[in-house]
Amino acid sequence: MLVLTRKKNEAIQIGEDIEIKILGIEGDQIKLGIAAPKSVDIYRKEIYIDIKQQNNEAANVSMDLLEMLKDTKD
């Protein structure tokens, strides 16, 4: 993991297309601005984990349904 120190209005560049800028600092919270192409999905980590979990659950239900359909043909 790369660890950097940044101040308000300083930024981090990721590749050619992604910039993360420190917009504000209040207490133990910082406000980030992220400039990235629309094709790049950006989520808070807890939301990303929830989406992955829901996708995995949906895939498992689909697999279970396929197995049930397969069993009814036999």
N, C-alpha and C. Protein backbone atom coordinates (compact mmCIF):
# COMPACT_ATOMS: atom_id res chain seq x y z
N MET A 1 0.85 -1.18 0.00
CA MET A 1 0.00 0.00 0.00
C MET A 1 0.88 1.23 0.00
N LEU A 2 0.58 2.13 -0.90
CA LEU A 2 1.28 3.41 -0.95
C LEU A 2 0.61 4.35 0.04
N VAL A 3 1.39 4.99 0.89
CA VAL A 3 0.86 5.94 1.87
C VAL A 3 1.43 7.32 1.55
N LEU A 4 0.53 8.29 1.35
CA LEU A 4 0.94 9.66 1.02
C LEU A 4 0.33 10.63 2.01
N THR A 5 0.98 11.74 2.20
CA THR A 5 0.44 12.83 3.00
C THR A 5 0.07 13.96 2.04
N ARG A 6 -1.13 14.47 2.15
CA ARG A 6 -1.62 15.54 1.30
C ARG A 6 -2.27 16.60 2.15
N LYS A 7 -2.24 17.83 1.69
CA LYS A 7 -2.91 18.96 2.36
C LYS A 7 -4.09 19.38 1.50
N LYS A 8 -4.93 20.24 2.06
CA LYS A 8 -6.08 20.76 1.33
C LYS A 8 -5.63 21.34 -0.01
N ASN A 9 -6.40 21.03 -1.04
CA ASN A 9 -6.17 21.46 -2.42
C ASN A 9 -5.01 20.75 -3.11
N GLU A 10 -4.38 19.79 -2.46
CA GLU A 10 -3.37 18.98 -3.13
C GLU A 10 -4.08 17.74 -3.69
N ALA A 11 -3.42 17.08 -4.65
CA ALA A 11 -4.07 15.98 -5.34
C ALA A 11 -3.13 14.79 -5.51
N ILE A 12 -3.73 13.69 -5.91
CA ILE A 12 -3.01 12.47 -6.26
C ILE A 12 -3.47 12.11 -7.67
N GLN A 13 -2.54 11.80 -8.54
CA GLN A 13 -2.86 11.41 -9.92
C GLN A 13 -2.68 9.91 -10.06
N ILE A 14 -3.68 9.22 -10.61
CA ILE A 14 -3.60 7.79 -10.87
C ILE A 14 -3.71 7.59 -12.37
N GLY A 15 -2.61 7.18 -12.98
CA GLY A 15 -2.58 7.04 -14.43
C GLY A 15 -2.82 8.38 -15.10
N GLU A 16 -3.32 8.32 -16.32
CA GLU A 16 -3.58 9.53 -17.10
C GLU A 16 -4.91 10.18 -16.76
N ASP A 17 -5.88 9.36 -16.29
CA ASP A 17 -7.27 9.80 -16.28
C ASP A 17 -7.91 10.03 -14.91
N ILE A 18 -7.24 9.67 -13.83
CA ILE A 18 -7.89 9.75 -12.52
C ILE A 18 -7.11 10.68 -11.60
N GLU A 19 -7.83 11.65 -11.03
CA GLU A 19 -7.24 12.58 -10.07
C GLU A 19 -8.10 12.57 -8.81
N ILE A 20 -7.44 12.45 -7.67
CA ILE A 20 -8.12 12.53 -6.38
C ILE A 20 -7.59 13.76 -5.67
N LYS A 21 -8.50 14.68 -5.34
CA LYS A 21 -8.10 15.96 -4.74
C LYS A 21 -8.69 16.10 -3.35
N ILE A 22 -7.90 16.62 -2.42
CA ILE A 22 -8.38 16.91 -1.07
C ILE A 22 -9.11 18.24 -1.13
N LEU A 23 -10.43 18.21 -0.90
CA LEU A 23 -11.23 19.42 -0.98
C LEU A 23 -11.39 20.11 0.37
N GLY A 24 -11.38 19.33 1.43
CA GLY A 24 -11.56 19.92 2.74
C GLY A 24 -11.19 18.95 3.85
N ILE A 25 -10.88 19.49 5.00
CA ILE A 25 -10.53 18.69 6.18
C ILE A 25 -11.27 19.27 7.37
N GLU A 26 -12.08 18.44 8.02
CA GLU A 26 -12.81 18.86 9.22
C GLU A 26 -12.68 17.77 10.28
N GLY A 27 -11.94 18.05 11.32
CA GLY A 27 -11.74 17.06 12.38
C GLY A 27 -11.07 15.82 11.82
N ASP A 28 -11.72 14.66 12.00
CA ASP A 28 -11.12 13.41 11.53
C ASP A 28 -11.69 12.99 10.18
N GLN A 29 -12.34 13.90 9.47
CA GLN A 29 -12.90 13.59 8.16
C GLN A 29 -12.25 14.47 7.09
N ILE A 30 -12.09 13.87 5.91
CA ILE A 30 -11.62 14.65 4.77
C ILE A 30 -12.68 14.55 3.67
N LYS A 31 -12.74 15.56 2.83
CA LYS A 31 -13.65 15.56 1.69
C LYS A 31 -12.78 15.41 0.45
N LEU A 32 -13.07 14.35 -0.33
CA LEU A 32 -12.31 14.07 -1.53
C LEU A 32 -13.12 14.43 -2.77
N GLY A 33 -12.44 14.90 -3.79
CA GLY A 33 -13.03 15.06 -5.11
C GLY A 33 -12.31 14.10 -6.04
N ILE A 34 -13.08 13.35 -6.82
CA ILE A 34 -12.48 12.36 -7.71
C ILE A 34 -12.89 12.69 -9.14
N ALA A 35 -11.92 12.94 -9.99
CA ALA A 35 -12.16 13.18 -11.41
C ALA A 35 -11.69 11.94 -12.15
N ALA A 36 -12.65 11.27 -12.82
CA ALA A 36 -12.34 10.05 -13.55
C ALA A 36 -13.29 9.93 -14.73
N PRO A 37 -12.92 9.14 -15.72
CA PRO A 37 -13.83 8.92 -16.85
C PRO A 37 -15.14 8.28 -16.37
N LYS A 38 -16.22 8.53 -17.09
CA LYS A 38 -17.51 7.96 -16.72
C LYS A 38 -17.50 6.44 -16.76
N SER A 39 -16.59 5.87 -17.51
CA SER A 39 -16.51 4.41 -17.62
C SER A 39 -15.91 3.77 -16.36
N VAL A 40 -15.36 4.56 -15.46
CA VAL A 40 -14.78 4.05 -14.23
C VAL A 40 -15.82 4.13 -13.11
N ASP A 41 -16.17 2.96 -12.55
CA ASP A 41 -17.11 2.92 -11.43
C ASP A 41 -16.38 3.33 -10.15
N ILE A 42 -17.00 4.22 -9.37
CA ILE A 42 -16.41 4.68 -8.11
C ILE A 42 -17.45 4.49 -7.02
N TYR A 43 -17.08 3.74 -5.98
CA TYR A 43 -17.98 3.45 -4.87
C TYR A 43 -17.24 3.62 -3.55
N ARG A 44 -17.99 3.95 -2.49
CA ARG A 44 -17.40 3.82 -1.16
C ARG A 44 -17.17 2.33 -0.94
N LYS A 45 -16.16 1.97 -0.20
CA LYS A 45 -15.79 0.56 -0.03
C LYS A 45 -16.94 -0.28 0.50
N GLU A 46 -17.67 0.24 1.51
CA GLU A 46 -18.75 -0.57 2.09
C GLU A 46 -19.87 -0.82 1.09
N ILE A 47 -20.11 0.12 0.19
CA ILE A 47 -21.11 -0.06 -0.86
C ILE A 47 -20.62 -1.08 -1.88
N TYR A 48 -19.35 -1.00 -2.24
CA TYR A 48 -18.76 -1.94 -3.19
C TYR A 48 -18.84 -3.38 -2.67
N ILE A 49 -18.53 -3.56 -1.40
CA ILE A 49 -18.61 -4.89 -0.80
C ILE A 49 -20.04 -5.40 -0.82
N ASP A 50 -21.00 -4.54 -0.52
CA ASP A 50 -22.41 -4.92 -0.53
C ASP A 50 -22.86 -5.31 -1.94
N ILE A 51 -22.45 -4.57 -2.94
CA ILE A 51 -22.79 -4.89 -4.33
C ILE A 51 -22.22 -6.25 -4.72
N LYS A 52 -20.96 -6.49 -4.38
CA LYS A 52 -20.34 -7.78 -4.69
C LYS A 52 -21.09 -8.92 -4.01
N GLN A 53 -21.47 -8.73 -2.75
CA GLN A 53 -22.19 -9.76 -2.01
C GLN A 53 -23.55 -10.04 -2.67
N GLN A 54 -24.26 -8.99 -3.04
CA GLN A 54 -25.56 -9.16 -3.69
C GLN A 54 -25.40 -9.86 -5.05
N ASN A 55 -24.37 -9.51 -5.79
CA ASN A 55 -24.12 -10.18 -7.07
C ASN A 55 -23.81 -11.65 -6.88
N ASN A 56 -23.01 -11.97 -5.86
CA ASN A 56 -22.68 -13.37 -5.59
C ASN A 56 -23.93 -14.15 -5.19
N GLU A 57 -24.79 -13.54 -4.35
CA GLU A 57 -26.02 -14.19 -3.94
C GLU A 57 -26.94 -14.43 -5.14
N ALA A 58 -27.03 -13.45 -6.02
CA ALA A 58 -27.87 -13.59 -7.22
C ALA A 58 -27.32 -14.68 -8.13
N ALA A 59 -26.00 -14.76 -8.25
CA ALA A 59 -25.39 -15.79 -9.08
C ALA A 59 -25.66 -17.17 -8.48
N ASN A 60 -25.60 -17.28 -7.16
CA ASN A 60 -25.87 -18.56 -6.51
C ASN A 60 -27.31 -18.98 -6.71
N VAL A 61 -28.24 -18.04 -6.61
CA VAL A 61 -29.66 -18.35 -6.83
C VAL A 61 -29.85 -18.81 -8.26
N SER A 62 -29.19 -18.15 -9.21
CA SER A 62 -29.30 -18.53 -10.61
C SER A 62 -28.76 -19.95 -10.83
N MET A 63 -27.65 -20.26 -10.20
CA MET A 63 -27.08 -21.60 -10.33
C MET A 63 -28.01 -22.64 -9.70
N ASP A 64 -28.58 -22.32 -8.54
CA ASP A 64 -29.52 -23.23 -7.90
C ASP A 64 -30.73 -23.46 -8.79
N LEU A 65 -31.23 -22.41 -9.41
CA LEU A 65 -32.38 -22.51 -10.30
C LEU A 65 -32.05 -23.37 -11.51
N LEU A 66 -30.87 -23.18 -12.08
CA LEU A 66 -30.45 -23.99 -13.21
C LEU A 66 -30.36 -25.46 -12.83
N GLU A 67 -29.83 -25.73 -11.66
CA GLU A 67 -29.74 -27.11 -11.19
C GLU A 67 -31.12 -27.72 -11.01
N MET A 68 -32.06 -26.95 -10.46
CA MET A 68 -33.43 -27.44 -10.27
C MET A 68 -34.08 -27.72 -11.63
N LEU A 69 -33.88 -26.83 -12.60
CA LEU A 69 -34.44 -27.04 -13.92
C LEU A 69 -33.82 -28.27 -14.60
N LYS A 70 -32.54 -28.44 -14.40
CA LYS A 70 -31.84 -29.60 -14.97
C LYS A 70 -32.39 -30.88 -14.36
N ASP A 71 -32.63 -30.87 -13.05
CA ASP A 71 -33.14 -32.06 -12.36
C ASP A 71 -34.54 -32.41 -12.82
N THR A 72 -35.36 -31.42 -13.18
CA THR A 72 -36.72 -31.72 -13.61
C THR A 72 -36.75 -32.34 -15.01
N LYS A 73 -35.70 -32.12 -15.81
CA LYS A 73 -35.64 -32.71 -17.15
C LYS A 73 -35.23 -34.18 -17.07
N ASP A 74 -34.52 -34.56 -16.03
CA ASP A 74 -34.02 -35.95 -15.90
C ASP A 74 -35.07 -36.91 -15.51
